[in-house]
Amino acid sequence: MSTATLPAAPRRTPPHRWTVPEFHRLCSLGMFAGRRPVLLNGVILEQGPMDSPHGNGVERTDTVVRAAFGAGWRFRVQLPLVLSLHTDPMPDIAVVAGALAGNPGHPTTAALVIEVADTTFDTDTTEKAELYATAGIADYWVLDVDNRELHVFRAPRPSASLGVTAYYTHSVLKPGDTVSPLAVPGVAVRVADLLP
């Protein structure tokens, strides 16, 4: 009686984990022309085309937030925000302290990050929320254009039981509600003014 030896299972090479410099290089080469890529934990994701509710929500929110913050702030719309070597979520709006002087690198933090969500709501309120919390973004908003709500995430802290950093507070605001950005607490923003 002979015994057969089974062949060893082929070794699988782990998938490539993209870095921010690699991702930005691909973007600069036009690899994603006409597309909306983001880099989350080394994985390049495509967000799909921007429909009018999303685009109008970004434009309205940008206008209202600029007025609320005033001078002394930078407003980055769908531009890089480098949270780690493997993460650049390119948020819809990032409010960064200070004036732009010279040609510094991309910012690594923001006083407020806002994502306008329709098809991306699940990712924005889970994976992106965790990444923003881990990066120490104290004030993170998700404007849900489909349900006409604003989700406000605050107080990031590590969760020992989950092994991740998460937001400790999550408020859901309706169109008639107002919210004050943590960085400019004396200003009230009406949720209805953000919605398309």
Foldseek 3Di string as FASTA:
>chain_A
DDDDDDDDDDDDDDDFQAFPVRVVVCVVVVVQVPWQWWFARRDIDTPDDDDDQQVLLLVLVQVLVCVQVDPQKDWQAQDFAAQDRGGTGSARIFIAGGDDDDDDDHHNAGQETEHEDEPCVVCVQPRVQQSNLQSVRAWYWYQHQVVQKIKIFGDWDADPVVRTIHGPDIDIGHQQDWDARPVRRVGTDGSVSSGD
